[in-house]
Amino acid sequence: MNNERKRIITLLAAICLGFVLLIGYLSYFQMFEAQAVRDNSYNKRLWINEDNILRGSITDRNGEILVYSESHEGDVQRIYKYDNLYSHVIGYSLRDYGKSGLERKYNSYLVNANENTAINELINLINPTGIGNNLNLSIHHGLQKKTRELIGDKKGSVITMNPKTGEILSMVSTPDFGINSLSENWTSISENSESPMINRGTQGLYTPGSIFKIVTATGVIQNGVPEAVYQCTGSTVIDGYTIRDFDESGHGSLNLEQAFSVSCNAYFADQAVALGHDKLKNISEKFFINQSIEFDLETNKSIFPAESIGLTDLGASGIGQGRVLVTPLNMLMITAAVANDGYMPMPYIVESVRSPQGQTIKSHVSESKKVLQIGEAQALQRMMREVVRVGTGTNAAISGVEVAGKTGTAENSSGMNHAWFVGFAPLENPEIAVVVLLEEEGSSGGRAAAPIARELMDFALKNISN
């Protein structure tokens, strides 16, 4: 009898434990996993609700309609007015292939189902609301068109931002793809070796080359040696490996500002070694390298080696080579932090979510992080001004406007250099910041990327009122 009682108690205990574990799992799932599963673009349950809902419109900062939905005899059609122009920003919403871009990230708002509860799910199934909410973006449609026009058939990414607020004014990644014909061309587009469906601005990881010298220069300033004179002979040998300058005849005697202006590799490689791995990594991480960036679109982390590396790799890192990889968005944020006296604005692209009746449901509040002391930022501002005034970035100069910038020409495994330019204008009270990446361009940043940046900054200053 005692053995029977023990077996019953053991069985009851096991059943109770099972219930506890089940309740614990369901609670964990509801709190931490349910939203991700619900919002997954391949979740077919979403389409049950959406079949009867007119998906909300998306407009630019001035109310220009970019995307809207129409219903013809019960058949809802999504109209992408500008097709490939916003393929990486707005993305697509297709029953057979899921969602991407803002269509995915803000799906619950666009179908007016942002309250994620089981009761609301049931209500939506029984009595759908009919019309979704609308998104108002920070994008300036005219600048977006200009950005796409200037990059042309080149491969890469160009992004512009208000460096004070973090609002993205234009974002283009190429190659892009036509959304209106995506269903018919899905296989050829999704299997294209050029990866047109990747947003290179937020997801692409690239060797930065000399634009990374902004980070290394920050370390030199913090070490208190910006005026120390360095003798450049055209190259430096680090742990048996020679790092050369573009001009192998050498730059002679120079300090930090002069080395930055002519983009002296030998100087910055030796300074990186002097700083050491931990110092350079810590500065990089303060600039959000190795960190997740919260944004309205999917982003990848930029990379600085977390573990200690050899002196040769450390010297290469100081000039943006070696194992350093960055996203264009991250480099734009770093540039904006310099422009904004050391405060890095957090980027965003959705200004507000509004109901069909025009009521504001959600509105973005600008946020910034202090990453530099004001004196450090102002020193970098002056150095970037000299790059455009007399250094490698003269092709970014705008008549009557003080422009600050940095060029980059990055070697990579393809054998064709990436061409970079980051900059902002005007120097005092900046209104526009820009990053230009031309992937495998095979040319210098000063020659290929800087002219695009100049045209965009000039257009923005003349056409956008902040």
Protein backbone atom coordinates (compact mmCIF):
# COMPACT_ATOMS: atom_id res chain seq x y z
CA MET A 1 0.00 0.00 0.00
CA ASN A 2 2.84 2.38 0.84
CA ASN A 3 4.50 1.62 -2.50
CA GLU A 4 1.22 2.32 -4.31
CA ARG A 5 0.89 5.66 -2.50
CA LYS A 6 4.47 6.60 -3.43
CA ARG A 7 3.80 5.82 -7.08
CA ILE A 8 0.66 7.97 -7.06
CA ILE A 9 2.48 10.87 -5.38
CA THR A 10 5.35 10.57 -7.86
CA LEU A 11 2.90 10.57 -10.77
CA LEU A 12 1.04 13.60 -9.42
CA ALA A 13 4.31 15.42 -8.84
CA ALA A 14 5.40 14.68 -12.40
CA ILE A 15 2.06 15.94 -13.76
CA CYS A 16 2.29 19.11 -11.65
CA LEU A 17 5.87 19.69 -12.80
CA GLY A 18 4.75 19.24 -16.39
CA PHE A 19 2.03 21.87 -15.92
CA VAL A 20 4.49 24.26 -14.31
CA LEU A 21 6.96 23.81 -17.18
CA LEU A 22 4.19 24.26 -19.74
CA ILE A 23 2.93 27.42 -18.07
CA GLY A 24 6.50 28.70 -17.82
CA TYR A 25 7.17 28.03 -21.50
CA LEU A 26 3.90 29.62 -22.62
CA SER A 27 4.60 32.68 -20.46
CA TYR A 28 8.12 32.99 -21.87
CA PHE A 29 6.84 32.55 -25.42
CA GLN A 30 4.12 35.16 -24.96
CA MET A 31 6.54 37.70 -23.46
CA PHE A 32 9.63 37.17 -25.61
CA GLU A 33 8.85 35.18 -28.76
CA ALA A 34 5.22 35.77 -29.72
CA GLN A 35 5.78 39.16 -31.35
CA ALA A 36 8.62 37.86 -33.54
CA VAL A 37 6.57 34.85 -34.67
CA ARG A 38 3.50 36.96 -35.22
CA ASP A 39 5.36 39.54 -37.28
CA ASN A 40 7.32 36.99 -39.31
CA SER A 41 6.74 37.89 -42.94
CA TYR A 42 6.02 34.25 -43.78
CA ASN A 43 3.31 33.86 -41.13
CA LYS A 44 0.29 32.96 -43.26
CA ARG A 45 -2.10 33.85 -40.44
CA LEU A 46 -1.35 37.50 -41.09
CA TRP A 47 -2.94 37.28 -44.49
CA ILE A 48 -6.29 36.13 -43.00
CA ASN A 49 -6.64 39.59 -41.47
CA GLU A 50 -5.07 41.48 -44.35
CA ASP A 51 -7.35 40.09 -47.06
CA ASN A 52 -10.09 42.37 -45.79
CA ILE A 53 -7.99 45.38 -44.85
CA LEU A 54 -6.95 48.26 -47.08
CA ARG A 55 -3.28 48.55 -46.20
CA GLY A 56 -2.21 52.05 -45.06
CA SER A 57 -0.41 54.52 -47.29
CA ILE A 58 3.22 55.63 -46.98
CA THR A 59 4.21 59.24 -47.65
CA ASP A 60 7.43 61.27 -47.68
CA ARG A 61 8.11 64.14 -45.27
CA ASN A 62 6.03 66.54 -47.38
CA GLY A 63 3.01 64.28 -47.85
CA GLU A 64 3.99 62.92 -51.27
CA ILE A 65 2.28 59.52 -51.58
CA LEU A 66 4.82 56.79 -52.26
CA VAL A 67 2.72 53.68 -51.70
CA TYR A 68 -1.03 53.14 -51.34
CA SER A 69 -3.66 50.42 -51.69
CA GLU A 70 -6.75 50.19 -53.88
CA SER A 71 -9.70 47.81 -53.73
CA HIS A 72 -11.45 46.73 -56.93
CA GLU A 73 -14.50 44.52 -56.32
CA GLY A 74 -12.93 43.05 -53.22
CA ASP A 75 -9.50 42.59 -54.78
CA VAL A 76 -6.96 44.69 -52.83
CA GLN A 77 -3.95 45.87 -54.84
CA ARG A 78 -0.80 47.49 -53.41
CA ILE A 79 0.46 50.32 -55.64
CA TYR A 80 4.17 51.16 -55.48
CA LYS A 81 4.24 54.47 -57.34
CA TYR A 82 8.00 54.65 -57.71
CA ASP A 83 8.78 50.94 -58.03
CA ASN A 84 12.53 50.32 -57.58
CA LEU A 85 13.28 53.79 -56.12
CA TYR A 86 12.16 52.62 -52.66
CA SER A 87 12.76 48.88 -53.02
CA HIS A 88 15.13 48.76 -50.03
CA VAL A 89 13.42 51.36 -47.85
CA ILE A 90 9.72 50.62 -48.21
CA GLY A 91 10.30 47.06 -49.40
CA TYR A 92 7.43 44.83 -50.53
CA SER A 93 4.38 42.98 -49.21
CA LEU A 94 3.60 39.88 -51.26
CA ARG A 95 1.48 36.89 -50.25
CA ASP A 96 3.81 34.37 -51.89
CA TYR A 97 7.13 35.88 -50.80
CA GLY A 98 6.46 37.64 -47.53
CA LYS A 99 7.50 41.17 -46.63
CA SER A 100 10.60 43.33 -46.38
CA GLY A 101 11.64 46.85 -45.40
CA LEU A 102 9.13 49.13 -43.72
CA GLU A 103 6.31 46.97 -45.06
CA ARG A 104 7.60 44.24 -42.75
CA LYS A 105 8.77 46.29 -39.76
CA TYR A 106 5.56 48.36 -39.56
CA ASN A 107 3.17 45.72 -40.83
CA SER A 108 1.03 45.67 -37.69
CA TYR A 109 0.48 49.43 -37.95
CA LEU A 110 -0.20 49.35 -41.68
CA VAL A 111 -3.00 46.80 -41.17
CA ASN A 112 -4.20 48.46 -37.95
CA ALA A 113 -3.44 45.43 -35.77
CA ASN A 114 -0.68 46.86 -33.59
CA GLU A 115 -2.29 45.66 -30.35
CA ASN A 116 -0.90 42.13 -30.19
CA THR A 117 -3.37 40.28 -27.98
CA ALA A 118 -5.31 37.07 -28.53
CA ILE A 119 -8.64 38.89 -28.04
CA ASN A 120 -7.75 41.51 -30.66
CA GLU A 121 -6.65 38.75 -33.03
CA LEU A 122 -10.11 37.17 -32.66
CA ILE A 123 -11.84 40.51 -33.14
CA ASN A 124 -9.83 41.14 -36.30
CA LEU A 125 -10.85 37.77 -37.69
CA ILE A 126 -14.56 38.35 -36.96
CA ASN A 127 -14.75 42.06 -37.72
CA PRO A 128 -11.66 43.48 -39.46
CA THR A 129 -11.14 47.23 -39.12
CA GLY A 130 -11.09 47.75 -42.89
CA ILE A 131 -8.44 50.50 -43.24
CA GLY A 132 -4.86 50.48 -41.98
CA ASN A 133 -2.79 53.30 -40.52
CA ASN A 134 -0.47 55.49 -42.58
CA LEU A 135 3.29 56.05 -42.28
CA ASN A 136 4.88 59.46 -42.73
CA LEU A 137 8.61 59.19 -43.47
CA SER A 138 11.55 61.55 -42.94
CA ILE A 139 12.57 60.88 -46.57
CA HIS A 140 12.62 63.84 -48.96
CA HIS A 141 11.30 62.44 -52.24
CA GLY A 142 13.18 64.97 -54.38
CA LEU A 143 16.48 64.16 -52.65
CA GLN A 144 15.74 60.44 -52.95
CA LYS A 145 15.34 60.82 -56.72
CA LYS A 146 18.51 62.91 -56.93
CA THR A 147 20.44 60.30 -54.93
CA ARG A 148 19.31 57.50 -57.26
CA GLU A 149 20.14 59.59 -60.31
CA LEU A 150 23.68 60.31 -59.11
CA ILE A 151 24.63 56.74 -58.24
CA GLY A 152 23.40 55.62 -61.65
CA ASP A 153 24.47 52.12 -62.65
CA LYS A 154 27.22 51.94 -60.02
CA LYS A 155 27.02 49.36 -57.23
CA GLY A 156 26.90 50.67 -53.67
CA SER A 157 24.97 52.80 -51.21
CA VAL A 158 24.33 56.49 -50.63
CA ILE A 159 22.57 57.86 -47.53
CA THR A 160 21.89 61.41 -46.39
CA MET A 161 20.87 62.51 -42.90
CA ASN A 162 20.10 65.55 -40.82
CA PRO A 163 23.09 65.37 -38.45
CA LYS A 164 21.24 67.13 -35.64
CA THR A 165 18.14 64.95 -35.51
CA GLY A 166 19.13 61.64 -37.13
CA GLU A 167 16.30 61.78 -39.66
CA ILE A 168 17.22 59.94 -42.86
CA LEU A 169 16.57 62.20 -45.84
CA SER A 170 17.46 59.72 -48.59
CA MET A 171 18.67 56.14 -48.74
CA VAL A 172 19.58 54.29 -51.92
CA SER A 173 21.19 50.89 -52.40
CA THR A 174 22.15 49.55 -55.82
CA PRO A 175 21.53 47.33 -57.62
CA ASP A 176 17.86 47.60 -56.70
CA PHE A 177 14.81 45.77 -58.04
CA GLY A 178 11.35 46.48 -59.38
CA ILE A 179 8.71 45.76 -56.74
CA ASN A 180 5.73 45.84 -59.11
CA SER A 181 7.16 42.97 -61.16
CA LEU A 182 8.83 41.12 -58.28
CA SER A 183 6.43 38.18 -58.24
CA GLU A 184 7.05 37.44 -61.91
CA ASN A 185 10.83 37.85 -61.58
CA TRP A 186 11.37 36.44 -58.08
CA THR A 187 13.74 33.64 -59.03
CA SER A 188 16.02 35.72 -61.24
CA ILE A 189 16.15 38.57 -58.68
CA SER A 190 16.56 36.48 -55.52
CA GLU A 191 19.28 34.32 -57.12
CA ASN A 192 21.16 37.21 -58.76
CA SER A 193 24.86 37.06 -57.83
CA GLU A 194 24.87 40.87 -57.33
CA SER A 195 22.44 40.47 -54.40
CA PRO A 196 19.99 43.24 -55.38
CA MET A 197 17.68 42.42 -52.47
CA ILE A 198 20.27 43.35 -49.81
CA ASN A 199 20.15 46.90 -48.49
CA ARG A 200 23.85 47.69 -48.74
CA GLY A 201 23.43 50.82 -46.63
CA THR A 202 22.32 48.97 -43.49
CA GLN A 203 23.30 45.33 -44.09
CA GLY A 204 26.44 45.52 -46.22
CA LEU A 205 29.77 45.14 -44.37
CA TYR A 206 32.71 46.79 -46.10
CA THR A 207 36.37 47.57 -45.58
CA PRO A 208 36.25 51.30 -44.76
CA GLY A 209 39.73 52.39 -45.80
CA SER A 210 40.73 55.92 -44.83
CA ILE A 211 37.32 57.11 -43.62
CA PHE A 212 38.12 54.99 -40.54
CA LYS A 213 40.93 57.43 -39.79
CA ILE A 214 38.25 59.54 -38.09
CA VAL A 215 38.21 56.85 -35.38
CA THR A 216 42.00 56.57 -35.17
CA ALA A 217 42.35 60.36 -35.11
CA THR A 218 40.00 60.45 -32.13
CA GLY A 219 42.45 58.24 -30.26
CA VAL A 220 45.39 60.50 -31.16
CA ILE A 221 43.47 63.53 -29.86
CA GLN A 222 42.53 61.72 -26.66
CA ASN A 223 46.16 60.70 -26.16
CA GLY A 224 47.09 64.37 -26.24
CA VAL A 225 49.60 64.14 -29.11
CA PRO A 226 47.90 65.79 -32.13
CA GLU A 227 50.74 68.31 -32.54
CA ALA A 228 53.55 65.76 -32.28
CA VAL A 229 55.64 65.83 -35.46
CA TYR A 230 55.87 62.62 -37.48
CA GLN A 231 58.37 62.02 -40.26
CA CYS A 232 56.68 60.27 -43.18
CA THR A 233 59.01 58.57 -45.66
CA GLY A 234 56.20 57.03 -47.72
CA SER A 235 55.90 53.78 -45.79
CA THR A 236 56.29 52.17 -42.39
CA VAL A 237 57.34 48.67 -41.39
CA ILE A 238 55.26 47.06 -38.63
CA ASP A 239 56.33 43.66 -37.36
CA GLY A 240 58.06 42.93 -40.66
CA TYR A 241 55.17 44.07 -42.88
CA THR A 242 55.37 47.26 -44.96
CA ILE A 243 52.37 49.60 -45.05
CA ARG A 244 52.70 52.10 -47.90
CA ASP A 245 51.24 55.45 -48.75
CA PHE A 246 49.65 56.22 -52.09
CA ASP A 247 52.51 58.69 -52.57
CA GLU A 248 55.51 56.51 -51.79
CA SER A 249 57.88 59.48 -51.99
CA GLY A 250 56.61 60.44 -48.53
CA HIS A 251 54.87 63.44 -46.97
CA GLY A 252 57.77 64.66 -44.86
CA SER A 253 57.13 66.23 -41.46
CA LEU A 254 53.50 66.44 -40.41
CA ASN A 255 51.21 66.50 -37.40
CA LEU A 256 47.75 64.93 -37.02
CA GLU A 257 45.84 67.59 -38.94
CA GLN A 258 48.26 67.50 -41.85
CA ALA A 259 48.38 63.69 -41.87
CA PHE A 260 44.56 63.59 -41.91
CA SER A 261 44.36 66.08 -44.77
CA VAL A 262 46.70 64.09 -47.04
CA SER A 263 45.45 60.75 -45.63
CA CYS A 264 48.91 59.51 -44.64
CA ASN A 265 48.76 55.73 -44.13
CA ALA A 266 52.15 55.48 -42.44
CA TYR A 267 51.17 58.02 -39.79
CA PHE A 268 47.86 56.41 -38.89
CA ALA A 269 49.21 52.86 -38.94
CA ASP A 270 51.95 53.81 -36.47
CA GLN A 271 49.49 55.76 -34.33
CA ALA A 272 47.19 52.73 -34.15
CA VAL A 273 50.07 50.63 -32.83
CA ALA A 274 50.88 53.34 -30.29
CA LEU A 275 47.25 53.43 -29.15
CA GLY A 276 47.07 49.67 -28.76
CA HIS A 277 44.25 47.24 -29.51
CA ASP A 278 42.13 47.89 -26.42
CA LYS A 279 42.14 51.67 -26.79
CA LEU A 280 41.25 51.57 -30.50
CA LYS A 281 38.56 48.96 -29.89
CA ASN A 282 37.03 50.98 -27.06
CA ILE A 283 36.87 54.11 -29.22
CA SER A 284 35.34 52.08 -32.07
CA GLU A 285 32.69 50.66 -29.79
CA LYS A 286 31.83 54.10 -28.47
CA PHE A 287 31.05 54.93 -32.12
CA PHE A 288 28.64 51.92 -32.17
CA ILE A 289 31.01 49.55 -33.97
CA ASN A 290 30.44 46.01 -32.58
CA GLN A 291 27.06 47.25 -31.34
CA SER A 292 23.51 46.81 -32.56
CA ILE A 293 21.95 49.93 -34.06
CA GLU A 294 18.24 50.34 -33.40
CA PHE A 295 16.69 51.45 -36.66
CA ASP A 296 13.50 51.15 -38.67
CA LEU A 297 15.20 48.75 -41.09
CA GLU A 298 17.24 45.61 -40.54
CA THR A 299 20.90 46.40 -39.80
CA ASN A 300 24.13 44.47 -39.30
CA LYS A 301 26.81 45.28 -36.75
CA SER A 302 30.05 46.89 -37.91
CA ILE A 303 33.10 44.92 -36.79
CA PHE A 304 36.33 45.73 -35.01
CA PRO A 305 38.26 42.65 -33.84
CA ALA A 306 37.19 41.91 -30.28
CA GLU A 307 40.23 39.82 -29.43
CA SER A 308 43.81 41.07 -29.36
CA ILE A 309 45.41 41.09 -32.80
CA GLY A 310 48.99 41.22 -34.04
CA LEU A 311 50.77 44.52 -34.57
CA THR A 312 50.50 44.23 -38.35
CA ASP A 313 46.73 43.78 -38.17
CA LEU A 314 46.51 46.59 -35.63
CA GLY A 315 48.44 48.96 -37.91
CA ALA A 316 46.18 47.97 -40.81
CA SER A 317 43.10 48.57 -38.65
CA GLY A 318 44.28 52.13 -37.99
CA ILE A 319 43.89 52.90 -41.70
CA GLY A 320 40.61 51.02 -42.07
CA GLN A 321 42.05 47.87 -43.57
CA GLY A 322 42.68 44.42 -42.12
CA ARG A 323 39.74 42.95 -40.24
CA VAL A 324 37.69 46.12 -39.78
CA LEU A 325 34.28 46.07 -41.51
CA VAL A 326 31.59 48.76 -41.38
CA THR A 327 28.12 49.52 -42.67
CA PRO A 328 27.58 52.83 -44.50
CA LEU A 329 24.88 53.74 -41.97
CA ASN A 330 27.31 53.37 -39.07
CA MET A 331 29.90 55.58 -40.81
CA LEU A 332 27.20 58.19 -41.45
CA MET A 333 26.35 58.16 -37.73
CA ILE A 334 30.02 58.71 -36.85
CA THR A 335 30.18 61.60 -39.31
CA ALA A 336 27.02 63.11 -37.84
CA ALA A 337 28.50 62.86 -34.34
CA VAL A 338 31.49 64.93 -35.45
CA ALA A 339 29.19 67.47 -37.10
CA ASN A 340 26.94 67.61 -34.05
CA ASP A 341 29.67 68.58 -31.55
CA GLY A 342 30.11 65.03 -30.25
CA TYR A 343 26.47 63.95 -29.97
CA MET A 344 25.63 61.00 -32.22
CA PRO A 345 22.00 61.14 -33.41
CA MET A 346 20.18 57.81 -33.54
CA PRO A 347 18.94 57.34 -37.12
CA TYR A 348 15.27 56.97 -38.00
CA ILE A 349 13.14 56.97 -41.10
CA VAL A 350 9.52 56.88 -39.82
CA GLU A 351 8.43 60.26 -38.51
CA SER A 352 4.95 59.23 -37.43
CA VAL A 353 2.14 56.70 -37.68
CA ARG A 354 -1.29 58.21 -38.28
CA SER A 355 -4.77 56.78 -38.25
CA PRO A 356 -7.00 56.96 -41.35
CA GLN A 357 -8.67 59.94 -39.65
CA GLY A 358 -5.32 61.75 -39.33
CA GLN A 359 -4.76 61.23 -35.61
CA THR A 360 -1.13 60.63 -34.55
CA ILE A 361 -0.74 57.14 -33.11
CA LYS A 362 3.03 57.12 -32.80
CA SER A 363 5.53 59.94 -33.26
CA HIS A 364 9.32 59.67 -33.28
CA VAL A 365 11.32 61.52 -30.64
CA SER A 366 14.91 62.28 -31.67
CA GLU A 367 17.60 60.76 -29.48
CA SER A 368 21.38 61.24 -29.37
CA LYS A 369 24.34 59.72 -27.50
CA LYS A 370 27.40 61.66 -26.40
CA VAL A 371 30.41 59.94 -27.97
CA LEU A 372 32.95 62.79 -28.10
CA GLN A 373 33.92 65.76 -25.98
CA ILE A 374 33.11 69.03 -27.73
CA GLY A 375 36.81 69.89 -28.11
CA GLU A 376 37.49 66.52 -29.76
CA ALA A 377 34.58 66.98 -32.15
CA GLN A 378 35.67 70.50 -33.08
CA ALA A 379 39.22 69.33 -33.76
CA LEU A 380 37.84 66.66 -36.11
CA GLN A 381 35.59 69.25 -37.77
CA ARG A 382 38.61 71.43 -38.58
CA MET A 383 40.55 68.46 -39.90
CA MET A 384 37.67 67.35 -42.11
CA ARG A 385 37.32 70.92 -43.41
CA GLU A 386 40.98 70.87 -44.46
CA VAL A 387 40.44 67.58 -46.32
CA VAL A 388 37.91 69.32 -48.57
CA ARG A 389 39.72 72.65 -48.70
CA VAL A 390 43.21 71.47 -49.65
CA GLY A 391 43.42 67.69 -49.16
CA THR A 392 42.10 64.56 -50.84
CA GLY A 393 38.46 65.70 -50.83
CA THR A 394 38.56 68.88 -52.91
CA ASN A 395 36.02 67.40 -55.34
CA ALA A 396 33.42 67.75 -52.58
CA ALA A 397 33.86 71.53 -52.31
CA ILE A 398 30.78 73.74 -52.81
CA SER A 399 31.21 77.37 -53.77
CA GLY A 400 30.31 79.67 -50.88
CA VAL A 401 29.85 76.80 -48.38
CA GLU A 402 32.39 75.37 -45.94
CA VAL A 403 32.25 71.59 -46.41
CA ALA A 404 33.90 69.01 -44.14
CA GLY A 405 34.66 65.47 -45.21
CA LYS A 406 36.93 62.45 -45.47
CA THR A 407 37.76 60.29 -48.46
CA GLY A 408 38.45 56.57 -48.39
CA THR A 409 39.92 54.16 -50.92
CA ALA A 410 39.60 50.65 -49.51
CA GLU A 411 41.41 47.59 -50.76
CA ASN A 412 39.38 44.38 -50.60
CA SER A 413 39.45 40.76 -51.77
CA SER A 414 37.89 41.57 -55.17
CA GLY A 415 41.02 43.51 -56.20
CA MET A 416 38.85 46.54 -57.07
CA ASN A 417 38.93 49.36 -54.51
CA HIS A 418 35.80 50.56 -52.72
CA ALA A 419 35.47 54.34 -53.09
CA TRP A 420 34.16 56.18 -50.00
CA PHE A 421 33.29 59.70 -48.96
CA VAL A 422 31.72 60.91 -45.72
CA GLY A 423 31.02 64.56 -45.01
CA PHE A 424 28.70 67.32 -43.88
CA ALA A 425 27.82 70.94 -44.62
CA PRO A 426 27.92 73.73 -43.68
CA LEU A 427 30.80 73.48 -41.22
CA GLU A 428 29.00 75.83 -38.83
CA ASN A 429 25.45 74.76 -38.00
CA PRO A 430 25.47 71.70 -40.32
CA GLU A 431 22.22 70.75 -42.04
CA ILE A 432 23.20 67.71 -44.11
CA ALA A 433 25.52 64.73 -43.64
CA VAL A 434 26.25 62.15 -46.31
CA VAL A 435 27.97 58.82 -46.87
CA VAL A 436 28.81 57.56 -50.35
CA LEU A 437 30.05 54.02 -50.90
CA LEU A 438 30.83 52.83 -54.42
CA GLU A 439 31.46 49.11 -54.11
CA GLU A 440 34.39 47.72 -56.12
CA GLU A 441 34.59 50.99 -58.03
CA GLY A 442 38.30 50.58 -58.75
CA SER A 443 38.88 54.30 -58.19
CA SER A 444 39.70 56.61 -55.28
CA GLY A 445 37.10 58.08 -52.96
CA GLY A 446 38.23 61.60 -53.84
CA ARG A 447 37.78 61.00 -57.54
CA ALA A 448 34.61 58.88 -57.64
CA ALA A 449 32.63 59.35 -54.40
CA ALA A 450 33.31 62.99 -53.44
CA PRO A 451 31.59 64.52 -56.52
CA ILE A 452 28.39 62.59 -55.74
CA ALA A 453 28.49 63.85 -52.15
CA ARG A 454 29.01 67.43 -53.36
CA GLU A 455 25.95 67.32 -55.63
CA LEU A 456 23.77 65.85 -52.89
CA MET A 457 24.82 68.33 -50.22
CA ASP A 458 24.33 71.23 -52.63
CA PHE A 459 20.86 69.94 -53.60
CA ALA A 460 19.84 69.41 -49.98
CA LEU A 461 21.01 72.87 -48.86
CA LYS A 462 19.00 74.48 -51.64
CA ASN A 463 15.84 72.38 -51.44
CA ILE A 464 15.27 71.21 -47.86
CA SER A 465 14.28 73.51 -45.04
CA ASN A 466 14.95 72.09 -41.57
